[in-house]
All heavy atoms as atom14 arrays in JSON, in Angstrom:
{
  "sequence": "SLQCSIEELHFKMLKMLKSIDEVCRRNEIRYFLFDGTLLGAVRHH",
  "atom14_mask": [
    [1, 1, 1, 1, 1, 1, 0, 0, 0, 0, 0, 0, 0, 0],
    [1, 1, 1, 1, 1, 1, 1, 1, 0, 0, 0, 0, 0, 0],
    [1, 1, 1, 1, 1, 1, 1, 1, 1, 0, 0, 0, 0, 0],
    [1, 1, 1, 1, 1, 1, 0, 0, 0, 0, 0, 0, 0, 0],
    [1, 1, 1, 1, 1, 1, 0, 0, 0, 0, 0, 0, 0, 0],
    [1, 1, 1, 1, 1, 1, 1, 1, 0, 0, 0, 0, 0, 0],
    [1, 1, 1, 1, 1, 1, 1, 1, 1, 0, 0, 0, 0, 0],
    [1, 1, 1, 1, 1, 1, 1, 1, 1, 0, 0, 0, 0, 0],
    [1, 1, 1, 1, 1, 1, 1, 1, 0, 0, 0, 0, 0, 0],
    [1, 1, 1, 1, 1, 1, 1, 1, 1, 1, 0, 0, 0, 0],
    [1, 1, 1, 1, 1, 1, 1, 1, 1, 1, 1, 0, 0, 0],
    [1, 1, 1, 1, 1, 1, 1, 1, 1, 0, 0, 0, 0, 0],
    [1, 1, 1, 1, 1, 1, 1, 1, 0, 0, 0, 0, 0, 0],
    [1, 1, 1, 1, 1, 1, 1, 1, 0, 0, 0, 0, 0, 0],
    [1, 1, 1, 1, 1, 1, 1, 1, 1, 0, 0, 0, 0, 0],
    [1, 1, 1, 1, 1, 1, 1, 1, 0, 0, 0, 0, 0, 0],
    [1, 1, 1, 1, 1, 1, 1, 1, 0, 0, 0, 0, 0, 0],
    [1, 1, 1, 1, 1, 1, 1, 1, 1, 0, 0, 0, 0, 0],
    [1, 1, 1, 1, 1, 1, 0, 0, 0, 0, 0, 0, 0, 0],
    [1, 1, 1, 1, 1, 1, 1, 1, 0, 0, 0, 0, 0, 0],
    [1, 1, 1, 1, 1, 1, 1, 1, 0, 0, 0, 0, 0, 0],
    [1, 1, 1, 1, 1, 1, 1, 1, 1, 0, 0, 0, 0, 0],
    [1, 1, 1, 1, 1, 1, 1, 0, 0, 0, 0, 0, 0, 0],
    [1, 1, 1, 1, 1, 1, 0, 0, 0, 0, 0, 0, 0, 0],
    [1, 1, 1, 1, 1, 1, 1, 1, 1, 1, 1, 0, 0, 0],
    [1, 1, 1, 1, 1, 1, 1, 1, 1, 1, 1, 0, 0, 0],
    [1, 1, 1, 1, 1, 1, 1, 1, 0, 0, 0, 0, 0, 0],
    [1, 1, 1, 1, 1, 1, 1, 1, 1, 0, 0, 0, 0, 0],
    [1, 1, 1, 1, 1, 1, 1, 1, 0, 0, 0, 0, 0, 0],
    [1, 1, 1, 1, 1, 1, 1, 1, 1, 1, 1, 0, 0, 0],
    [1, 1, 1, 1, 1, 1, 1, 1, 1, 1, 1, 1, 0, 0],
    [1, 1, 1, 1, 1, 1, 1, 1, 1, 1, 1, 0, 0, 0],
    [1, 1, 1, 1, 1, 1, 1, 1, 0, 0, 0, 0, 0, 0],
    [1, 1, 1, 1, 1, 1, 1, 1, 1, 1, 1, 0, 0, 0],
    [1, 1, 1, 1, 1, 1, 1, 1, 0, 0, 0, 0, 0, 0],
    [1, 1, 1, 1, 0, 0, 0, 0, 0, 0, 0, 0, 0, 0],
    [1, 1, 1, 1, 1, 1, 1, 0, 0, 0, 0, 0, 0, 0],
    [1, 1, 1, 1, 1, 1, 1, 1, 0, 0, 0, 0, 0, 0],
    [1, 1, 1, 1, 1, 1, 1, 1, 0, 0, 0, 0, 0, 0],
    [1, 1, 1, 1, 0, 0, 0, 0, 0, 0, 0, 0, 0, 0],
    [1, 1, 1, 1, 1, 0, 0, 0, 0, 0, 0, 0, 0, 0],
    [1, 1, 1, 1, 1, 1, 1, 0, 0, 0, 0, 0, 0, 0],
    [1, 1, 1, 1, 1, 1, 1, 1, 1, 1, 1, 0, 0, 0],
    [1, 1, 1, 1, 1, 1, 1, 1, 1, 1, 0, 0, 0, 0],
    [1, 1, 1, 1, 1, 1, 1, 1, 1, 1, 0, 0, 0, 0]
  ],
  "atom14_positions": [
    [[33.78, -21.46, -48.06], [33.5, -22.8, -48.56], [32.14, -22.87, -49.25], [31.85, -23.83, -49.93], [33.54, -23.82, -47.41], [32.45, -23.61, -46.52], [0.0, 0.0, 0.0], [0.0, 0.0, 0.0], [0.0, 0.0, 0.0], [0.0, 0.0, 0.0], [0.0, 0.0, 0.0], [0.0, 0.0, 0.0], [0.0, 0.0, 0.0], [0.0, 0.0, 0.0]],
    [[31.3, -21.85, -49.05], [29.99, -21.84, -49.68], [30.14, -21.65, -51.19], [30.97, -20.88, -51.65], [29.12, -20.72, -49.11], [28.76, -20.83, -47.64], [27.99, -19.59, -47.2], [27.95, -22.08, -47.38], [0.0, 0.0, 0.0], [0.0, 0.0, 0.0], [0.0, 0.0, 0.0], [0.0, 0.0, 0.0], [0.0, 0.0, 0.0], [0.0, 0.0, 0.0]],
    [[29.33, -22.39, -51.94], [29.37, -22.27, -53.39], [27.96, -22.09, -53.91], [27.0, -22.55, -53.3], [30.0, -23.52, -54.01], [31.45, -23.68, -53.64], [32.09, -24.85, -54.34], [31.56, -25.39, -55.3], [33.26, -25.25, -53.89], [0.0, 0.0, 0.0], [0.0, 0.0, 0.0], [0.0, 0.0, 0.0], [0.0, 0.0, 0.0], [0.0, 0.0, 0.0]],
    [[27.86, -21.41, -55.05], [26.56, -21.27, -55.7], [26.8, -21.14, -57.2], [27.92, -20.89, -57.64], [25.79, -20.07, -55.15], [26.53, -18.47, -55.48], [0.0, 0.0, 0.0], [0.0, 0.0, 0.0], [0.0, 0.0, 0.0], [0.0, 0.0, 0.0], [0.0, 0.0, 0.0], [0.0, 0.0, 0.0], [0.0, 0.0, 0.0], [0.0, 0.0, 0.0]],
    [[25.74, -21.29, -57.95], [25.85, -21.15, -59.41], [25.98, -19.67, -59.75], [25.68, -18.79, -58.94], [24.61, -21.74, -60.08], [23.48, -20.92, -59.79], [0.0, 0.0, 0.0], [0.0, 0.0, 0.0], [0.0, 0.0, 0.0], [0.0, 0.0, 0.0], [0.0, 0.0, 0.0], [0.0, 0.0, 0.0], [0.0, 0.0, 0.0], [0.0, 0.0, 0.0]],
    [[26.4, -19.38, -60.96], [26.52, -17.99, -61.4], [25.15, -17.32, -61.41], [25.03, -16.14, -61.11], [27.25, -17.89, -62.76], [27.68, -16.45, -63.05], [26.39, -18.44, -63.89], [28.84, -15.98, -62.24], [0.0, 0.0, 0.0], [0.0, 0.0, 0.0], [0.0, 0.0, 0.0], [0.0, 0.0, 0.0], [0.0, 0.0, 0.0], [0.0, 0.0, 0.0]],
    [[24.11, -18.08, -61.71], [22.75, -17.52, -61.7], [22.34, -17.12, -60.28], [21.75, -16.06, -60.08], [21.74, -18.52, -62.28], [21.91, -18.79, -63.76], [23.0, -19.82, -64.09], [23.51, -20.5, -63.15], [23.35, -19.92, -65.27], [0.0, 0.0, 0.0], [0.0, 0.0, 0.0], [0.0, 0.0, 0.0], [0.0, 0.0, 0.0], [0.0, 0.0, 0.0]],
    [[22.66, -17.97, -59.3], [22.36, -17.64, -57.9], [23.17, -16.42, -57.47], [22.66, -15.55, -56.76], [22.68, -18.82, -56.99], [21.76, -20.01, -57.18], [22.26, -21.24, -56.43], [23.45, -21.59, -56.55], [21.44, -21.83, -55.7], [0.0, 0.0, 0.0], [0.0, 0.0, 0.0], [0.0, 0.0, 0.0], [0.0, 0.0, 0.0], [0.0, 0.0, 0.0]],
    [[24.41, -16.35, -57.9], [25.26, -15.21, -57.57], [24.69, -13.93, -58.16], [24.62, -12.9, -57.48], [26.68, -15.45, -58.07], [27.67, -14.32, -57.8], [27.8, -14.06, -56.3], [29.01, -14.64, -58.41], [0.0, 0.0, 0.0], [0.0, 0.0, 0.0], [0.0, 0.0, 0.0], [0.0, 0.0, 0.0], [0.0, 0.0, 0.0], [0.0, 0.0, 0.0]],
    [[24.26, -13.98, -59.42], [23.67, -12.8, -60.05], [22.41, -12.35, -59.3], [22.19, -11.15, -59.11], [23.35, -13.07, -61.51], [24.56, -13.14, -62.38], [24.52, -13.62, -63.66], [25.86, -12.82, -62.14], [25.72, -13.57, -64.19], [26.56, -13.09, -63.28], [0.0, 0.0, 0.0], [0.0, 0.0, 0.0], [0.0, 0.0, 0.0], [0.0, 0.0, 0.0]],
    [[21.6, -13.3, -58.85], [20.4, -12.97, -58.07], [20.79, -12.27, -56.77], [20.21, -11.25, -56.4], [19.6, -14.24, -57.79], [18.38, -14.0, -56.96], [17.25, -13.4, -57.52], [18.36, -14.35, -55.62], [16.12, -13.17, -56.75], [17.23, -14.11, -54.85], [16.12, -13.52, -55.41], [0.0, 0.0, 0.0], [0.0, 0.0, 0.0], [0.0, 0.0, 0.0]],
    [[21.81, -12.78, -56.1], [22.27, -12.16, -54.84], [22.86, -10.78, -55.09], [22.64, -9.85, -54.31], [23.31, -13.06, -54.16], [22.7, -14.33, -53.61], [23.74, -15.24, -53.03], [23.09, -16.54, -52.6], [23.74, -17.18, -51.5], [0.0, 0.0, 0.0], [0.0, 0.0, 0.0], [0.0, 0.0, 0.0], [0.0, 0.0, 0.0], [0.0, 0.0, 0.0]],
    [[23.6, -10.63, -56.19], [24.18, -9.33, -56.5], [23.09, -8.31, -56.83], [23.19, -7.14, -56.46], [25.19, -9.45, -57.65], [26.43, -10.24, -57.27], [27.79, -10.27, -58.48], [27.02, -10.57, -60.03], [0.0, 0.0, 0.0], [0.0, 0.0, 0.0], [0.0, 0.0, 0.0], [0.0, 0.0, 0.0], [0.0, 0.0, 0.0], [0.0, 0.0, 0.0]],
    [[22.04, -8.75, -57.51], [20.93, -7.86, -57.83], [20.22, -7.41, -56.54], [19.9, -6.23, -56.38], [19.93, -8.53, -58.77], [18.74, -7.68, -59.19], [19.19, -6.4, -59.89], [17.81, -8.49, -60.08], [0.0, 0.0, 0.0], [0.0, 0.0, 0.0], [0.0, 0.0, 0.0], [0.0, 0.0, 0.0], [0.0, 0.0, 0.0], [0.0, 0.0, 0.0]],
    [[20.01, -8.33, -55.61], [19.42, -7.96, -54.32], [20.31, -6.95, -53.59], [19.81, -5.99, -53.0], [19.2, -9.2, -53.45], [18.02, -10.05, -53.87], [17.85, -11.27, -53.02], [17.6, -10.91, -51.56], [17.31, -12.09, -50.73], [0.0, 0.0, 0.0], [0.0, 0.0, 0.0], [0.0, 0.0, 0.0], [0.0, 0.0, 0.0], [0.0, 0.0, 0.0]],
    [[21.61, -7.16, -53.64], [22.54, -6.25, -53.01], [22.47, -4.87, -53.66], [22.4, -3.84, -52.97], [23.96, -6.8, -53.11], [24.99, -5.93, -52.42], [26.68, -6.55, -52.6], [26.97, -6.22, -54.31], [0.0, 0.0, 0.0], [0.0, 0.0, 0.0], [0.0, 0.0, 0.0], [0.0, 0.0, 0.0], [0.0, 0.0, 0.0], [0.0, 0.0, 0.0]],
    [[22.45, -4.84, -54.99], [22.35, -3.57, -55.71], [21.08, -2.81, -55.34], [21.09, -1.59, -55.16], [22.39, -3.8, -57.22], [23.74, -3.8, -57.89], [23.62, -4.22, -59.35], [24.38, -2.44, -57.79], [0.0, 0.0, 0.0], [0.0, 0.0, 0.0], [0.0, 0.0, 0.0], [0.0, 0.0, 0.0], [0.0, 0.0, 0.0], [0.0, 0.0, 0.0]],
    [[19.97, -3.54, -55.23], [18.71, -2.89, -54.87], [18.78, -2.31, -53.46], [18.28, -1.21, -53.22], [17.55, -3.89, -54.98], [17.18, -4.22, -56.41], [16.04, -5.21, -56.48], [15.63, -5.48, -57.91], [14.5, -6.41, -58.0], [0.0, 0.0, 0.0], [0.0, 0.0, 0.0], [0.0, 0.0, 0.0], [0.0, 0.0, 0.0], [0.0, 0.0, 0.0]],
    [[19.41, -3.01, -52.55], [19.57, -2.49, -51.19], [20.45, -1.25, -51.17], [20.14, -0.26, -50.49], [20.17, -3.56, -50.27], [19.3, -4.65, -50.14], [0.0, 0.0, 0.0], [0.0, 0.0, 0.0], [0.0, 0.0, 0.0], [0.0, 0.0, 0.0], [0.0, 0.0, 0.0], [0.0, 0.0, 0.0], [0.0, 0.0, 0.0], [0.0, 0.0, 0.0]],
    [[21.53, -1.29, -51.92], [22.42, -0.13, -52.01], [21.69, 1.05, -52.64], [21.81, 2.19, -52.18], [23.7, -0.49, -52.78], [24.54, -1.47, -51.96], [24.51, 0.76, -53.14], [25.68, -2.11, -52.72], [0.0, 0.0, 0.0], [0.0, 0.0, 0.0], [0.0, 0.0, 0.0], [0.0, 0.0, 0.0], [0.0, 0.0, 0.0], [0.0, 0.0, 0.0]],
    [[20.91, 0.78, -53.68], [20.14, 1.84, -54.33], [19.17, 2.49, -53.34], [19.05, 3.72, -53.3], [19.39, 1.28, -55.53], [18.56, 2.34, -56.23], [19.16, 3.27, -56.81], [17.31, 2.27, -56.17], [0.0, 0.0, 0.0], [0.0, 0.0, 0.0], [0.0, 0.0, 0.0], [0.0, 0.0, 0.0], [0.0, 0.0, 0.0], [0.0, 0.0, 0.0]],
    [[18.5, 1.69, -52.53], [17.57, 2.24, -51.53], [18.3, 3.16, -50.55], [17.82, 4.26, -50.24], [16.88, 1.12, -50.77], [15.87, 0.36, -51.57], [15.29, -0.83, -50.81], [15.4, -0.88, -49.57], [14.73, -1.72, -51.48], [0.0, 0.0, 0.0], [0.0, 0.0, 0.0], [0.0, 0.0, 0.0], [0.0, 0.0, 0.0], [0.0, 0.0, 0.0]],
    [[19.45, 2.72, -50.05], [20.22, 3.54, -49.11], [20.66, 4.84, -49.79], [20.55, 5.92, -49.2], [21.44, 2.76, -48.58], [22.41, 3.67, -47.83], [20.99, 1.62, -47.68], [0.0, 0.0, 0.0], [0.0, 0.0, 0.0], [0.0, 0.0, 0.0], [0.0, 0.0, 0.0], [0.0, 0.0, 0.0], [0.0, 0.0, 0.0], [0.0, 0.0, 0.0]],
    [[21.13, 4.73, -51.01], [21.61, 5.92, -51.72], [20.47, 6.89, -52.0], [20.62, 8.11, -51.83], [22.31, 5.52, -53.01], [23.92, 4.73, -52.73], [0.0, 0.0, 0.0], [0.0, 0.0, 0.0], [0.0, 0.0, 0.0], [0.0, 0.0, 0.0], [0.0, 0.0, 0.0], [0.0, 0.0, 0.0], [0.0, 0.0, 0.0], [0.0, 0.0, 0.0]],
    [[19.32, 6.4, -52.39], [18.18, 7.28, -52.65], [17.73, 7.97, -51.37], [17.47, 9.18, -51.36], [17.03, 6.51, -53.27], [17.26, 6.13, -54.7], [16.1, 5.29, -55.26], [16.41, 4.77, -56.56], [16.12, 5.41, -57.7], [15.52, 6.57, -57.67], [16.43, 4.85, -58.85], [0.0, 0.0, 0.0], [0.0, 0.0, 0.0], [0.0, 0.0, 0.0]],
    [[17.62, 7.21, -50.28], [17.19, 7.77, -48.99], [18.12, 8.87, -48.5], [17.69, 9.82, -47.86], [17.14, 6.66, -47.94], [15.8, 6.34, -47.42], [15.78, 5.43, -46.21], [16.82, 4.46, -46.03], [16.78, 3.2, -46.46], [15.74, 2.76, -47.15], [17.77, 2.39, -46.22], [0.0, 0.0, 0.0], [0.0, 0.0, 0.0], [0.0, 0.0, 0.0]],
    [[19.4, 8.73, -48.8], [20.4, 9.66, -48.29], [20.94, 10.62, -49.34], [21.93, 11.31, -49.1], [21.55, 8.87, -47.66], [21.13, 8.17, -46.4], [21.05, 8.77, -45.34], [20.81, 6.88, -46.52], [0.0, 0.0, 0.0], [0.0, 0.0, 0.0], [0.0, 0.0, 0.0], [0.0, 0.0, 0.0], [0.0, 0.0, 0.0], [0.0, 0.0, 0.0]],
    [[20.3, 10.65, -50.5], [20.7, 11.52, -51.61], [22.18, 11.36, -51.94], [22.94, 12.33, -52.06], [20.36, 12.98, -51.28], [18.88, 13.2, -51.12], [18.52, 14.64, -50.8], [19.44, 15.49, -50.63], [17.31, 14.93, -50.72], [0.0, 0.0, 0.0], [0.0, 0.0, 0.0], [0.0, 0.0, 0.0], [0.0, 0.0, 0.0], [0.0, 0.0, 0.0]],
    [[22.57, 10.09, -52.09], [23.95, 9.74, -52.44], [23.98, 9.38, -53.93], [23.24, 8.5, -54.37], [24.45, 8.56, -51.58], [24.52, 9.0, -50.11], [25.78, 8.05, -52.09], [24.79, 7.87, -49.14], [0.0, 0.0, 0.0], [0.0, 0.0, 0.0], [0.0, 0.0, 0.0], [0.0, 0.0, 0.0], [0.0, 0.0, 0.0], [0.0, 0.0, 0.0]],
    [[24.81, 10.06, -54.66], [24.94, 9.79, -56.1], [25.89, 8.61, -56.3], [26.93, 8.52, -55.65], [25.5, 11.01, -56.83], [24.6, 12.23, -56.73], [25.31, 13.48, -57.18], [26.41, 13.73, -56.24], [27.41, 14.56, -56.47], [27.49, 15.23, -57.6], [28.36, 14.75, -55.56], [0.0, 0.0, 0.0], [0.0, 0.0, 0.0], [0.0, 0.0, 0.0]],
    [[25.52, 7.73, -57.22], [26.39, 6.61, -57.58], [26.1, 6.22, -59.02], [25.08, 6.64, -59.59], [26.18, 5.41, -56.64], [24.93, 4.62, -56.93], [24.97, 3.49, -57.75], [23.7, 5.0, -56.41], [23.83, 2.77, -58.04], [22.56, 4.29, -56.69], [22.62, 3.18, -57.51], [21.48, 2.48, -57.8], [0.0, 0.0, 0.0], [0.0, 0.0, 0.0]],
    [[26.97, 5.44, -59.58], [26.74, 4.94, -60.94], [27.43, 3.6, -61.1], [28.37, 3.28, -60.38], [27.21, 5.95, -62.0], [28.63, 6.41, -61.85], [29.66, 5.77, -62.52], [28.93, 7.5, -61.04], [30.97, 6.21, -62.38], [30.24, 7.94, -60.89], [31.26, 7.3, -61.57], [0.0, 0.0, 0.0], [0.0, 0.0, 0.0], [0.0, 0.0, 0.0]],
    [[26.92, 2.83, -62.02], [27.55, 1.56, -62.38], [28.71, 1.85, -63.32], [28.66, 2.8, -64.09], [26.54, 0.65, -63.07], [25.24, 0.36, -62.32], [24.34, -0.55, -63.17], [25.5, -0.24, -60.96], [0.0, 0.0, 0.0], [0.0, 0.0, 0.0], [0.0, 0.0, 0.0], [0.0, 0.0, 0.0], [0.0, 0.0, 0.0], [0.0, 0.0, 0.0]],
    [[29.71, 1.0, -63.28], [30.8, 1.14, -64.25], [31.42, -0.22, -64.51], [30.98, -1.23, -63.98], [31.84, 2.19, -63.79], [32.78, 1.74, -62.71], [34.13, 1.57, -62.98], [32.32, 1.52, -61.43], [35.0, 1.18, -61.97], [33.2, 1.13, -60.41], [34.54, 0.96, -60.7], [0.0, 0.0, 0.0], [0.0, 0.0, 0.0], [0.0, 0.0, 0.0]],
    [[32.41, -0.24, -65.38], [33.11, -1.46, -65.78], [32.13, -2.55, -66.23], [31.17, -2.26, -66.92], [34.03, -1.96, -64.67], [35.3, -1.11, -64.51], [35.58, -0.28, -65.4], [36.01, -1.28, -63.51], [0.0, 0.0, 0.0], [0.0, 0.0, 0.0], [0.0, 0.0, 0.0], [0.0, 0.0, 0.0], [0.0, 0.0, 0.0], [0.0, 0.0, 0.0]],
    [[32.35, -3.77, -65.8], [31.54, -4.9, -66.27], [30.08, -4.8, -65.89], [29.21, -5.26, -66.63], [0.0, 0.0, 0.0], [0.0, 0.0, 0.0], [0.0, 0.0, 0.0], [0.0, 0.0, 0.0], [0.0, 0.0, 0.0], [0.0, 0.0, 0.0], [0.0, 0.0, 0.0], [0.0, 0.0, 0.0], [0.0, 0.0, 0.0], [0.0, 0.0, 0.0]],
    [[29.77, -4.17, -64.78], [28.38, -4.04, -64.35], [27.62, -3.12, -65.3], [26.49, -3.41, -65.69], [28.29, -3.53, -62.9], [29.03, -4.42, -62.07], [26.86, -3.46, -62.42], [0.0, 0.0, 0.0], [0.0, 0.0, 0.0], [0.0, 0.0, 0.0], [0.0, 0.0, 0.0], [0.0, 0.0, 0.0], [0.0, 0.0, 0.0], [0.0, 0.0, 0.0]],
    [[28.24, -2.03, -65.69], [27.62, -1.12, -66.66], [27.5, -1.79, -68.02], [26.44, -1.73, -68.66], [28.44, 0.17, -66.78], [27.94, 1.18, -67.82], [26.51, 1.63, -67.51], [28.88, 2.38, -67.86], [0.0, 0.0, 0.0], [0.0, 0.0, 0.0], [0.0, 0.0, 0.0], [0.0, 0.0, 0.0], [0.0, 0.0, 0.0], [0.0, 0.0, 0.0]],
    [[28.55, -2.46, -68.46], [28.51, -3.17, -69.74], [27.4, -4.21, -69.74], [26.63, -4.31, -70.71], [29.87, -3.83, -70.02], [29.98, -4.6, -71.33], [29.77, -3.68, -72.52], [31.32, -5.29, -71.41], [0.0, 0.0, 0.0], [0.0, 0.0, 0.0], [0.0, 0.0, 0.0], [0.0, 0.0, 0.0], [0.0, 0.0, 0.0], [0.0, 0.0, 0.0]],
    [[27.28, -4.96, -68.66], [26.23, -5.97, -68.58], [24.85, -5.35, -68.62], [23.94, -5.87, -69.29], [0.0, 0.0, 0.0], [0.0, 0.0, 0.0], [0.0, 0.0, 0.0], [0.0, 0.0, 0.0], [0.0, 0.0, 0.0], [0.0, 0.0, 0.0], [0.0, 0.0, 0.0], [0.0, 0.0, 0.0], [0.0, 0.0, 0.0], [0.0, 0.0, 0.0]],
    [[24.66, -4.24, -67.92], [23.34, -3.58, -67.89], [22.95, -3.11, -69.29], [21.79, -3.27, -69.7], [23.38, -2.39, -66.93], [0.0, 0.0, 0.0], [0.0, 0.0, 0.0], [0.0, 0.0, 0.0], [0.0, 0.0, 0.0], [0.0, 0.0, 0.0], [0.0, 0.0, 0.0], [0.0, 0.0, 0.0], [0.0, 0.0, 0.0], [0.0, 0.0, 0.0]],
    [[23.91, -2.59, -70.05], [23.61, -2.07, -71.38], [23.54, -3.2, -72.42], [22.56, -3.32, -73.14], [24.68, -1.02, -71.8], [24.49, -0.61, -73.25], [24.61, 0.19, -70.88], [0.0, 0.0, 0.0], [0.0, 0.0, 0.0], [0.0, 0.0, 0.0], [0.0, 0.0, 0.0], [0.0, 0.0, 0.0], [0.0, 0.0, 0.0], [0.0, 0.0, 0.0]],
    [[24.56, -4.03, -72.45], [24.66, -5.04, -73.51], [23.79, -6.27, -73.26], [23.22, -6.84, -74.19], [26.12, -5.46, -73.68], [26.34, -6.36, -74.9], [27.8, -6.58, -75.19], [28.42, -7.4, -74.16], [29.72, -7.64, -74.08], [30.55, -7.1, -74.96], [30.21, -8.39, -73.14], [0.0, 0.0, 0.0], [0.0, 0.0, 0.0], [0.0, 0.0, 0.0]],
    [[23.65, -6.68, -71.98], [22.94, -7.91, -71.67], [21.61, -7.67, -70.95], [20.92, -8.62, -70.61], [23.82, -8.83, -70.8], [25.09, -9.25, -71.49], [25.15, -10.32, -72.35], [26.34, -8.73, -71.44], [26.39, -10.45, -72.8], [27.13, -9.49, -72.26], [0.0, 0.0, 0.0], [0.0, 0.0, 0.0], [0.0, 0.0, 0.0], [0.0, 0.0, 0.0]],
    [[21.32, -6.41, -70.69], [20.12, -6.05, -69.92], [20.09, -6.8, -68.59], [19.06, -7.28, -68.15], [18.84, -6.31, -70.74], [18.87, -5.63, -72.06], [18.73, -4.27, -72.19], [19.07, -6.12, -73.31], [18.82, -3.95, -73.47], [19.03, -5.05, -74.17], [0.0, 0.0, 0.0], [0.0, 0.0, 0.0], [0.0, 0.0, 0.0], [0.0, 0.0, 0.0]]
  ]
}
C-alpha cells in the first residue's frame, strides 16, 4: 500500500545499488548492469 514518486523510487534504487556494490566489492563478486538500468546509466546518466 506504500506509494512514492518515481524520483523517490530512483533514490531508493540508487541506495540499494550502492549497498549491493559494496557487498560485491567486499566479496569479489562480479556483476554488471543490463537492460533498462544499463540504458539509463549510459543514455540518461
